[in-house]
Amino acid sequence: MGVQRTDWRQPADVRRYDERMTAKEKLRERVESLTEQEAEDTLDFIARRGESFEQWLHSRPEDDEPLSDADRAALARSDADIATGDTVSFEQIKQELRRDAA
């Protein structure tokens, strides 16, 4: 058997590669150890390699977590505050923080 390499950055089941393995053989071995989600994420990464980070970020879903009842209630309260003008601008917050820091 050829020389084996140990790489602490790899999962234990992928650490021992025979030095005679080709890159494609090593890749196949690694792919077989991926979960379905990891495989999907890897395919997404490969497909988007040529995109900038900004393009990639804009292609992602805004949020994939379902809203809870508490989330919906908080959103309804914030919508009501906006509708009645009961808001504070970012500029006002910065001024207050500067004043508190002084």
PDB file of N, CA and C in Angstrom:
ATOM      1  N   MET A   1       0.847  -1.186   0.000  1.00  0.00           N
ATOM      2  CA  MET A   1       0.000   0.000   0.000  1.00  0.00           C
ATOM      3  C   MET A   1       0.883   1.236   0.000  1.00  0.00           C
ATOM      4  N   GLY A   2       0.426   2.303  -0.622  1.00  0.00           N
ATOM      5  CA  GLY A   2       1.180   3.542  -0.715  1.00  0.00           C
ATOM      6  C   GLY A   2       1.193   4.302   0.598  1.00  0.00           C
ATOM      7  N   VAL A   3       1.873   5.421   0.593  1.00  0.00           N
ATOM      8  CA  VAL A   3       1.950   6.282   1.762  1.00  0.00           C
ATOM      9  C   VAL A   3       0.584   6.892   2.005  1.00  0.00           C
ATOM     10  N   GLN A   4       0.168   6.914   3.261  1.00  0.00           N
ATOM     11  CA  GLN A   4      -1.117   7.526   3.591  1.00  0.00           C
ATOM     12  C   GLN A   4      -0.869   8.861   4.260  1.00  0.00           C
ATOM     13  N   ARG A   5      -1.765   9.788   4.028  1.00  0.00           N
ATOM     14  CA  ARG A   5      -1.634  11.132   4.562  1.00  0.00           C
ATOM     15  C   ARG A   5      -2.766  11.367   5.552  1.00  0.00           C
ATOM     16  N   THR A   6      -2.476  12.060   6.619  1.00  0.00           N
ATOM     17  CA  THR A   6      -3.500  12.434   7.579  1.00  0.00           C
ATOM     18  C   THR A   6      -3.639  13.943   7.556  1.00  0.00           C
ATOM     19  N   ASP A   7      -4.850  14.400   7.367  1.00  0.00           N
ATOM     20  CA  ASP A   7      -5.113  15.830   7.326  1.00  0.00           C
ATOM     21  C   ASP A   7      -6.155  16.118   8.391  1.00  0.00           C
ATOM     22  N   TRP A   8      -5.795  16.808   9.443  1.00  0.00           N
ATOM     23  CA  TRP A   8      -6.690  17.056  10.567  1.00  0.00           C
ATOM     24  C   TRP A   8      -7.890  17.892  10.179  1.00  0.00           C
ATOM     25  N   ARG A   9      -7.854  18.589   9.038  1.00  0.00           N
ATOM     26  CA  ARG A   9      -8.974  19.424   8.625  1.00  0.00           C
ATOM     27  C   ARG A   9     -10.092  18.619   7.982  1.00  0.00           C
ATOM     28  N   GLN A  10      -9.848  17.372   7.660  1.00  0.00           N
ATOM     29  CA  GLN A  10     -10.839  16.527   7.013  1.00  0.00           C
ATOM     30  C   GLN A  10     -11.537  15.652   8.051  1.00  0.00           C
ATOM     31  N   PRO A  11     -12.795  15.261   7.803  1.00  0.00           N
ATOM     32  CA  PRO A  11     -13.462  14.330   8.707  1.00  0.00           C
ATOM     33  C   PRO A  11     -12.667  13.033   8.811  1.00  0.00           C
ATOM     34  N   ALA A  12     -12.777  12.365   9.941  1.00  0.00           N
ATOM     35  CA  ALA A  12     -11.991  11.163  10.203  1.00  0.00           C
ATOM     36  C   ALA A  12     -12.149  10.117   9.108  1.00  0.00           C
ATOM     37  N   ASP A  13     -13.361   9.955   8.550  1.00  0.00           N
ATOM     38  CA  ASP A  13     -13.579   8.914   7.549  1.00  0.00           C
ATOM     39  C   ASP A  13     -12.992   9.273   6.190  1.00  0.00           C
ATOM     40  N   VAL A  14     -12.436  10.485   6.041  1.00  0.00           N
ATOM     41  CA  VAL A  14     -11.888  10.902   4.761  1.00  0.00           C
ATOM     42  C   VAL A  14     -10.389  11.186   4.876  1.00  0.00           C
ATOM     43  N   ARG A  15      -9.810  11.004   6.052  1.00  0.00           N
ATOM     44  CA  ARG A  15      -8.434  11.416   6.294  1.00  0.00           C
ATOM     45  C   ARG A  15      -7.392  10.581   5.567  1.00  0.00           C
ATOM     46  N   ARG A  16      -7.644   9.338   5.329  1.00  0.00           N
ATOM     47  CA  ARG A  16      -6.604   8.469   4.779  1.00  0.00           C
ATOM     48  C   ARG A  16      -6.791   8.249   3.288  1.00  0.00           C
ATOM     49  N   TYR A  17      -6.040   8.976   2.510  1.00  0.00           N
ATOM     50  CA  TYR A  17      -6.035   8.805   1.064  1.00  0.00           C
ATOM     51  C   TYR A  17      -4.743   8.115   0.679  1.00  0.00           C
ATOM     52  N   ASP A  18      -4.860   7.147  -0.179  1.00  0.00           N
ATOM     53  CA  ASP A  18      -3.672   6.535  -0.752  1.00  0.00           C
ATOM     54  C   ASP A  18      -3.077   7.574  -1.694  1.00  0.00           C
ATOM     55  N   GLU A  19      -1.800   7.861  -1.571  1.00  0.00           N
ATOM     56  CA  GLU A  19      -1.147   8.876  -2.398  1.00  0.00           C
ATOM     57  C   GLU A  19      -1.267   8.560  -3.886  1.00  0.00           C
ATOM     58  N   ARG A  20      -1.547   7.304  -4.242  1.00  0.00           N
ATOM     59  CA  ARG A  20      -1.659   6.940  -5.649  1.00  0.00           C
ATOM     60  C   ARG A  20      -3.044   7.228  -6.212  1.00  0.00           C
ATOM     61  N   MET A  21      -3.985   7.630  -5.361  1.00  0.00           N
ATOM     62  CA  MET A  21      -5.330   7.948  -5.845  1.00  0.00           C
ATOM     63  C   MET A  21      -5.288   9.220  -6.675  1.00  0.00           C
ATOM     64  N   THR A  22      -6.075   9.232  -7.736  1.00  0.00           N
ATOM     65  CA  THR A  22      -6.174  10.451  -8.540  1.00  0.00           C
ATOM     66  C   THR A  22      -7.076  11.446  -7.811  1.00  0.00           C
ATOM     67  N   ALA A  23      -7.048  12.666  -8.266  1.00  0.00           N
ATOM     68  CA  ALA A  23      -7.914  13.696  -7.671  1.00  0.00           C
ATOM     69  C   ALA A  23      -9.376  13.301  -7.815  1.00  0.00           C
ATOM     70  N   LYS A  24      -9.746  12.743  -8.960  1.00  0.00           N
ATOM     71  CA  LYS A  24     -11.136  12.349  -9.173  1.00  0.00           C
ATOM     72  C   LYS A  24     -11.534  11.198  -8.238  1.00  0.00           C
ATOM     73  N   GLU A  25     -10.614  10.267  -7.999  1.00  0.00           N
ATOM     74  CA  GLU A  25     -10.919   9.169  -7.074  1.00  0.00           C
ATOM     75  C   GLU A  25     -11.118   9.710  -5.661  1.00  0.00           C
ATOM     76  N   LYS A  26     -10.245  10.625  -5.255  1.00  0.00           N
ATOM     77  CA  LYS A  26     -10.382  11.241  -3.934  1.00  0.00           C
ATOM     78  C   LYS A  26     -11.701  12.001  -3.831  1.00  0.00           C
ATOM     79  N   LEU A  27     -12.048  12.698  -4.904  1.00  0.00           N
ATOM     80  CA  LEU A  27     -13.292  13.463  -4.925  1.00  0.00           C
ATOM     81  C   LEU A  27     -14.499  12.538  -4.822  1.00  0.00           C
ATOM     82  N   ARG A  28     -14.497  11.433  -5.592  1.00  0.00           N
ATOM     83  CA  ARG A  28     -15.608  10.478  -5.519  1.00  0.00           C
ATOM     84  C   ARG A  28     -15.778   9.930  -4.104  1.00  0.00           C
ATOM     85  N   GLU A  29     -14.657   9.602  -3.465  1.00  0.00           N
ATOM     86  CA  GLU A  29     -14.706   9.086  -2.105  1.00  0.00           C
ATOM     87  C   GLU A  29     -15.309  10.119  -1.152  1.00  0.00           C
ATOM     88  N   ARG A  30     -14.894  11.352  -1.329  1.00  0.00           N
ATOM     89  CA  ARG A  30     -15.402  12.422  -0.462  1.00  0.00           C
ATOM     90  C   ARG A  30     -16.887  12.677  -0.712  1.00  0.00           C
ATOM     91  N   VAL A  31     -17.307  12.668  -1.971  1.00  0.00           N
ATOM     92  CA  VAL A  31     -18.710  12.912  -2.319  1.00  0.00           C
ATOM     93  C   VAL A  31     -19.604  11.859  -1.677  1.00  0.00           C
ATOM     94  N   GLU A  32     -19.165  10.628  -1.656  1.00  0.00           N
ATOM     95  CA  GLU A  32     -19.971   9.553  -1.075  1.00  0.00           C
ATOM     96  C   GLU A  32     -20.224   9.764   0.420  1.00  0.00           C
ATOM     97  N   SER A  33     -19.358  10.531   1.087  1.00  0.00           N
ATOM     98  CA  SER A  33     -19.530  10.752   2.527  1.00  0.00           C
ATOM     99  C   SER A  33     -20.427  11.955   2.845  1.00  0.00           C
ATOM    100  N   LEU A  34     -20.825  12.727   1.808  1.00  0.00           N
ATOM    101  CA  LEU A  34     -21.649  13.916   2.038  1.00  0.00           C
ATOM    102  C   LEU A  34     -23.089  13.546   2.374  1.00  0.00           C
ATOM    103  N   THR A  35     -23.717  14.384   3.196  1.00  0.00           N
ATOM    104  CA  THR A  35     -25.160  14.265   3.405  1.00  0.00           C
ATOM    105  C   THR A  35     -25.847  14.820   2.161  1.00  0.00           C
ATOM    106  N   GLU A  36     -27.134  14.580   2.036  1.00  0.00           N
ATOM    107  CA  GLU A  36     -27.869  15.100   0.886  1.00  0.00           C
ATOM    108  C   GLU A  36     -27.809  16.632   0.854  1.00  0.00           C
ATOM    109  N   GLN A  37     -27.940  17.268   2.029  1.00  0.00           N
ATOM    110  CA  GLN A  37     -27.886  18.738   2.091  1.00  0.00           C
ATOM    111  C   GLN A  37     -26.502  19.243   1.693  1.00  0.00           C
ATOM    112  N   GLU A  38     -25.451  18.580   2.185  1.00  0.00           N
ATOM    113  CA  GLU A  38     -24.097  18.988   1.819  1.00  0.00           C
ATOM    114  C   GLU A  38     -23.874  18.838   0.315  1.00  0.00           C
ATOM    115  N   ALA A  39     -24.434  17.782  -0.272  1.00  0.00           N
ATOM    116  CA  ALA A  39     -24.306  17.574  -1.714  1.00  0.00           C
ATOM    117  C   ALA A  39     -25.011  18.694  -2.477  1.00  0.00           C
ATOM    118  N   GLU A  40     -26.219  19.073  -2.036  1.00  0.00           N
ATOM    119  CA  GLU A  40     -26.945  20.171  -2.681  1.00  0.00           C
ATOM    120  C   GLU A  40     -26.167  21.476  -2.571  1.00  0.00           C
ATOM    121  N   ASP A  41     -25.624  21.751  -1.371  1.00  0.00           N
ATOM    122  CA  ASP A  41     -24.847  22.975  -1.172  1.00  0.00           C
ATOM    123  C   ASP A  41     -23.603  22.989  -2.053  1.00  0.00           C
ATOM    124  N   THR A  42     -22.963  21.830  -2.189  1.00  0.00           N
ATOM    125  CA  THR A  42     -21.763  21.730  -3.025  1.00  0.00           C
ATOM    126  C   THR A  42     -22.094  21.957  -4.494  1.00  0.00           C
ATOM    127  N   LEU A  43     -23.181  21.364  -4.957  1.00  0.00           N
ATOM    128  CA  LEU A  43     -23.606  21.585  -6.345  1.00  0.00           C
ATOM    129  C   LEU A  43     -23.916  23.056  -6.588  1.00  0.00           C
ATOM    130  N   ASP A  44     -24.567  23.687  -5.626  1.00  0.00           N
ATOM    131  CA  ASP A  44     -24.881  25.111  -5.734  1.00  0.00           C
ATOM    132  C   ASP A  44     -23.590  25.925  -5.823  1.00  0.00           C
ATOM    133  N   PHE A  45     -22.631  25.582  -4.982  1.00  0.00           N
ATOM    134  CA  PHE A  45     -21.337  26.281  -4.990  1.00  0.00           C
ATOM    135  C   PHE A  45     -20.646  26.127  -6.344  1.00  0.00           C
ATOM    136  N   ILE A  46     -20.611  24.915  -6.860  1.00  0.00           N
ATOM    137  CA  ILE A  46     -19.947  24.660  -8.137  1.00  0.00           C
ATOM    138  C   ILE A  46     -20.642  25.422  -9.263  1.00  0.00           C
ATOM    139  N   ALA A  47     -21.970  25.413  -9.260  1.00  0.00           N
ATOM    140  CA  ALA A  47     -22.729  26.088 -10.311  1.00  0.00           C
ATOM    141  C   ALA A  47     -22.514  27.594 -10.281  1.00  0.00           C
ATOM    142  N   ARG A  48     -22.242  28.143  -9.130  1.00  0.00           N
ATOM    143  CA  ARG A  48     -22.151  29.598  -8.985  1.00  0.00           C
ATOM    144  C   ARG A  48     -20.715  30.111  -8.846  1.00  0.00           C
ATOM    145  N   ARG A  49     -19.740  29.297  -9.143  1.00  0.00           N
ATOM    146  CA  ARG A  49     -18.336  29.695  -8.969  1.00  0.00           C
ATOM    147  C   ARG A  49     -17.977  30.981  -9.682  1.00  0.00           C
ATOM    148  N   GLY A  50     -18.564  31.238 -10.831  1.00  0.00           N
ATOM    149  CA  GLY A  50     -18.211  32.426 -11.596  1.00  0.00           C
ATOM    150  C   GLY A  50     -18.906  33.689 -11.138  1.00  0.00           C
ATOM    151  N   GLU A  51     -19.857  33.565 -10.225  1.00  0.00           N
ATOM    152  CA  GLU A  51     -20.598  34.744  -9.770  1.00  0.00           C
ATOM    153  C   GLU A  51     -19.831  35.482  -8.676  1.00  0.00           C
ATOM    154  N   SER A  52     -20.091  36.752  -8.578  1.00  0.00           N
ATOM    155  CA  SER A  52     -19.540  37.527  -7.469  1.00  0.00           C
ATOM    156  C   SER A  52     -20.324  37.180  -6.206  1.00  0.00           C
ATOM    157  N   PHE A  53     -19.787  37.540  -5.070  1.00  0.00           N
ATOM    158  CA  PHE A  53     -20.485  37.285  -3.813  1.00  0.00           C
ATOM    159  C   PHE A  53     -21.827  38.007  -3.806  1.00  0.00           C
ATOM    160  N   GLU A  54     -21.857  39.217  -4.327  1.00  0.00           N
ATOM    161  CA  GLU A  54     -23.115  39.983  -4.357  1.00  0.00           C
ATOM    162  C   GLU A  54     -24.173  39.273  -5.198  1.00  0.00           C
ATOM    163  N   GLN A  55     -23.775  38.745  -6.362  1.00  0.00           N
ATOM    164  CA  GLN A  55     -24.722  37.999  -7.196  1.00  0.00           C
ATOM    165  C   GLN A  55     -25.220  36.762  -6.465  1.00  0.00           C
ATOM    166  N   TRP A  56     -24.297  36.055  -5.813  1.00  0.00           N
ATOM    167  CA  TRP A  56     -24.679  34.861  -5.064  1.00  0.00           C
ATOM    168  C   TRP A  56     -25.642  35.224  -3.944  1.00  0.00           C
ATOM    169  N   LEU A  57     -25.327  36.283  -3.212  1.00  0.00           N
ATOM    170  CA  LEU A  57     -26.163  36.693  -2.085  1.00  0.00           C
ATOM    171  C   LEU A  57     -27.568  37.049  -2.537  1.00  0.00           C
ATOM    172  N   HIS A  58     -27.689  37.759  -3.653  1.00  0.00           N
ATOM    173  CA  HIS A  58     -29.009  38.143  -4.161  1.00  0.00           C
ATOM    174  C   HIS A  58     -29.802  36.957  -4.694  1.00  0.00           C
ATOM    175  N   SER A  59     -29.122  35.867  -5.006  1.00  0.00           N
ATOM    176  CA  SER A  59     -29.824  34.680  -5.510  1.00  0.00           C
ATOM    177  C   SER A  59     -30.361  33.803  -4.385  1.00  0.00           C
ATOM    178  N   ARG A  60     -29.970  34.086  -3.155  1.00  0.00           N
ATOM    179  CA  ARG A  60     -30.399  33.290  -2.003  1.00  0.00           C
ATOM    180  C   ARG A  60     -31.809  33.706  -1.583  1.00  0.00           C
ATOM    181  N   PRO A  61     -32.575  32.780  -1.015  1.00  0.00           N
ATOM    182  CA  PRO A  61     -33.890  33.176  -0.495  1.00  0.00           C
ATOM    183  C   PRO A  61     -33.720  34.169   0.657  1.00  0.00           C
ATOM    184  N   GLU A  62     -34.649  35.103   0.741  1.00  0.00           N
ATOM    185  CA  GLU A  62     -34.549  36.110   1.797  1.00  0.00           C
ATOM    186  C   GLU A  62     -34.562  35.456   3.170  1.00  0.00           C
ATOM    187  N   ASP A  63     -35.453  34.519   3.362  1.00  0.00           N
ATOM    188  CA  ASP A  63     -35.529  33.800   4.633  1.00  0.00           C
ATOM    189  C   ASP A  63     -36.269  32.498   4.371  1.00  0.00           C
ATOM    190  N   ASP A  64     -35.701  31.406   4.797  1.00  0.00           N
ATOM    191  CA  ASP A  64     -36.358  30.127   4.548  1.00  0.00           C
ATOM    192  C   ASP A  64     -36.935  29.503   5.816  1.00  0.00           C
ATOM    193  N   GLU A  65     -36.935  30.266   6.896  1.00  0.00           N
ATOM    194  CA  GLU A  65     -37.520  29.785   8.141  1.00  0.00           C
ATOM    195  C   GLU A  65     -39.000  30.172   8.183  1.00  0.00           C
ATOM    196  N   PRO A  66     -39.861  29.254   8.583  1.00  0.00           N
ATOM    197  CA  PRO A  66     -41.276  29.622   8.690  1.00  0.00           C
ATOM    198  C   PRO A  66     -41.481  30.620   9.835  1.00  0.00           C
ATOM    199  N   LEU A  67     -42.441  31.512   9.656  1.00  0.00           N
ATOM    200  CA  LEU A  67     -42.746  32.496  10.698  1.00  0.00           C
ATOM    201  C   LEU A  67     -43.584  31.857  11.795  1.00  0.00           C
ATOM    202  N   SER A  68     -43.232  32.169  13.029  1.00  0.00           N
ATOM    203  CA  SER A  68     -44.028  31.709  14.170  1.00  0.00           C
ATOM    204  C   SER A  68     -45.172  32.693  14.404  1.00  0.00           C
ATOM    205  N   ASP A  69     -46.095  32.324  15.258  1.00  0.00           N
ATOM    206  CA  ASP A  69     -47.186  33.244  15.609  1.00  0.00           C
ATOM    207  C   ASP A  69     -46.628  34.520  16.234  1.00  0.00           C
ATOM    208  N   ALA A  70     -45.591  34.381  17.070  1.00  0.00           N
ATOM    209  CA  ALA A  70     -44.965  35.548  17.704  1.00  0.00           C
ATOM    210  C   ALA A  70     -44.324  36.449  16.643  1.00  0.00           C
ATOM    211  N   ASP A  71     -43.693  35.837  15.632  1.00  0.00           N
ATOM    212  CA  ASP A  71     -43.103  36.620  14.536  1.00  0.00           C
ATOM    213  C   ASP A  71     -44.179  37.418  13.809  1.00  0.00           C
ATOM    214  N   ARG A  72     -45.282  36.757  13.491  1.00  0.00           N
ATOM    215  CA  ARG A  72     -46.370  37.431  12.777  1.00  0.00           C
ATOM    216  C   ARG A  72     -46.953  38.573  13.607  1.00  0.00           C
ATOM    217  N   ALA A  73     -47.089  38.364  14.903  1.00  0.00           N
ATOM    218  CA  ALA A  73     -47.618  39.415  15.783  1.00  0.00           C
ATOM    219  C   ALA A  73     -46.656  40.600  15.823  1.00  0.00           C
ATOM    220  N   ALA A  74     -45.360  40.328  15.903  1.00  0.00           N
ATOM    221  CA  ALA A  74     -44.370  41.411  15.927  1.00  0.00           C
ATOM    222  C   ALA A  74     -44.380  42.187  14.614  1.00  0.00           C
ATOM    223  N   LEU A  75     -44.511  41.488  13.502  1.00  0.00           N
ATOM    224  CA  LEU A  75     -44.590  42.160  12.210  1.00  0.00           C
ATOM    225  C   LEU A  75     -45.846  43.018  12.105  1.00  0.00           C
ATOM    226  N   ALA A  76     -46.959  42.534  12.628  1.00  0.00           N
ATOM    227  CA  ALA A  76     -48.206  43.309  12.602  1.00  0.00           C
ATOM    228  C   ALA A  76     -48.052  44.577  13.439  1.00  0.00           C
ATOM    229  N   ARG A  77     -47.405  44.462  14.617  1.00  0.00           N
ATOM    230  CA  ARG A  77     -47.184  45.646  15.457  1.00  0.00           C
ATOM    231  C   ARG A  77     -46.286  46.652  14.751  1.00  0.00           C
ATOM    232  N   SER A  78     -45.228  46.156  14.096  1.00  0.00           N
ATOM    233  CA  SER A  78     -44.327  47.091  13.419  1.00  0.00           C
ATOM    234  C   SER A  78     -45.017  47.747  12.226  1.00  0.00           C
ATOM    235  N   ASP A  79     -45.848  47.001  11.501  1.00  0.00           N
ATOM    236  CA  ASP A  79     -46.611  47.597  10.395  1.00  0.00           C
ATOM    237  C   ASP A  79     -47.545  48.685  10.916  1.00  0.00           C
ATOM    238  N   ALA A  80     -48.177  48.441  12.058  1.00  0.00           N
ATOM    239  CA  ALA A  80     -49.072  49.435  12.654  1.00  0.00           C
ATOM    240  C   ALA A  80     -48.293  50.678  13.079  1.00  0.00           C
ATOM    241  N   ASP A  81     -47.103  50.472  13.663  1.00  0.00           N
ATOM    242  CA  ASP A  81     -46.263  51.615  14.065  1.00  0.00           C
ATOM    243  C   ASP A  81     -45.873  52.452  12.851  1.00  0.00           C
ATOM    244  N   ILE A  82     -45.511  51.798  11.778  1.00  0.00           N
ATOM    245  CA  ILE A  82     -45.129  52.519  10.556  1.00  0.00           C
ATOM    246  C   ILE A  82     -46.330  53.290  10.010  1.00  0.00           C
ATOM    247  N   ALA A  83     -47.501  52.672  10.012  1.00  0.00           N
ATOM    248  CA  ALA A  83     -48.708  53.309   9.487  1.00  0.00           C
ATOM    249  C   ALA A  83     -49.078  54.553  10.286  1.00  0.00           C
ATOM    250  N   THR A  84     -48.820  54.547  11.593  1.00  0.00           N
ATOM    251  CA  THR A  84     -49.172  55.700  12.432  1.00  0.00           C
ATOM    252  C   THR A  84     -48.018  56.680  12.603  1.00  0.00           C
ATOM    253  N   GLY A  85     -46.877  56.365  11.998  1.00  0.00           N
ATOM    254  CA  GLY A  85     -45.721  57.264  12.113  1.00  0.00           C
ATOM    255  C   GLY A  85     -45.001  57.144  13.437  1.00  0.00           C
ATOM    256  N   ASP A  86     -45.283  56.113  14.183  1.00  0.00           N
ATOM    257  CA  ASP A  86     -44.655  55.908  15.491  1.00  0.00           C
ATOM    258  C   ASP A  86     -43.318  55.180  15.290  1.00  0.00           C
ATOM    259  N   THR A  87     -42.364  55.902  14.683  1.00  0.00           N
ATOM    260  CA  THR A  87     -41.059  55.325  14.368  1.00  0.00           C
ATOM    261  C   THR A  87     -39.960  56.300  14.757  1.00  0.00           C
ATOM    262  N   VAL A  88     -38.730  55.818  14.784  1.00  0.00           N
ATOM    263  CA  VAL A  88     -37.554  56.641  15.057  1.00  0.00           C
ATOM    264  C   VAL A  88     -36.596  56.418  13.899  1.00  0.00           C
ATOM    265  N   SER A  89     -36.097  57.505  13.319  1.00  0.00           N
ATOM    266  CA  SER A  89     -35.185  57.375  12.183  1.00  0.00           C
ATOM    267  C   SER A  89     -33.805  56.926  12.653  1.00  0.00           C
ATOM    268  N   PHE A  90     -33.053  56.384  11.730  1.00  0.00           N
ATOM    269  CA  PHE A  90     -31.693  55.965  12.025  1.00  0.00           C
ATOM    270  C   PHE A  90     -30.857  57.163  12.457  1.00  0.00           C
ATOM    271  N   GLU A  91     -31.077  58.317  11.817  1.00  0.00           N
ATOM    272  CA  GLU A  91     -30.352  59.533  12.187  1.00  0.00           C
ATOM    273  C   GLU A  91     -30.621  59.908  13.640  1.00  0.00           C
ATOM    274  N   GLN A  92     -31.889  59.803  14.085  1.00  0.00           N
ATOM    275  CA  GLN A  92     -32.225  60.116  15.474  1.00  0.00           C
ATOM    276  C   GLN A  92     -31.524  59.156  16.436  1.00  0.00           C
ATOM    277  N   ILE A  93     -31.477  57.911  16.086  1.00  0.00           N
ATOM    278  CA  ILE A  93     -30.811  56.919  16.944  1.00  0.00           C
ATOM    279  C   ILE A  93     -29.323  57.232  17.051  1.00  0.00           C
ATOM    280  N   LYS A  94     -28.679  57.559  15.909  1.00  0.00           N
ATOM    281  CA  LYS A  94     -27.253  57.893  15.941  1.00  0.00           C
ATOM    282  C   LYS A  94     -27.008  59.120  16.822  1.00  0.00           C
ATOM    283  N   GLN A  95     -27.863  60.137  16.716  1.00  0.00           N
ATOM    284  CA  GLN A  95     -27.708  61.333  17.544  1.00  0.00           C
ATOM    285  C   GLN A  95     -27.843  60.990  19.018  1.00  0.00           C
ATOM    286  N   GLU A  96     -28.805  60.158  19.368  1.00  0.00           N
ATOM    287  CA  GLU A  96     -28.981  59.772  20.762  1.00  0.00           C
ATOM    288  C   GLU A  96     -27.783  58.981  21.279  1.00  0.00           C
ATOM    289  N   LEU A  97     -27.254  58.101  20.452  1.00  0.00           N
ATOM    290  CA  LEU A  97     -26.089  57.317  20.861  1.00  0.00           C
ATOM    291  C   LEU A  97     -24.856  58.197  21.050  1.00  0.00           C
ATOM    292  N   ARG A  98     -24.691  59.164  20.167  1.00  0.00           N
ATOM    293  CA  ARG A  98     -23.570  60.106  20.307  1.00  0.00           C
ATOM    294  C   ARG A  98     -23.721  60.899  21.607  1.00  0.00           C
ATOM    295  N   ARG A  99     -24.941  61.345  21.877  1.00  0.00           N
ATOM    296  CA  ARG A  99     -25.194  62.126  23.085  1.00  0.00           C
ATOM    297  C   ARG A  99     -24.935  61.283  24.324  1.00  0.00           C
ATOM    298  N   ASP A 100     -25.363  60.013  24.310  1.00  0.00           N
ATOM    299  CA  ASP A 100     -25.137  59.133  25.455  1.00  0.00           C
ATOM    300  C   ASP A 100     -23.667  58.802  25.640  1.00  0.00           C
ATOM    301  N   ALA A 101     -22.902  58.754  24.540  1.00  0.00           N
ATOM    302  CA  ALA A 101     -21.485  58.403  24.614  1.00  0.00           C
ATOM    303  C   ALA A 101     -20.649  59.578  25.111  1.00  0.00           C
ATOM    304  N   ALA A 102     -21.169  60.792  24.961  1.00  0.00           N
ATOM    305  CA  ALA A 102     -20.392  61.994  25.339  1.00  0.00           C
ATOM    306  C   ALA A 102     -20.365  62.214  26.826  1.00  0.00           C
TER     307      ALA A 102
END
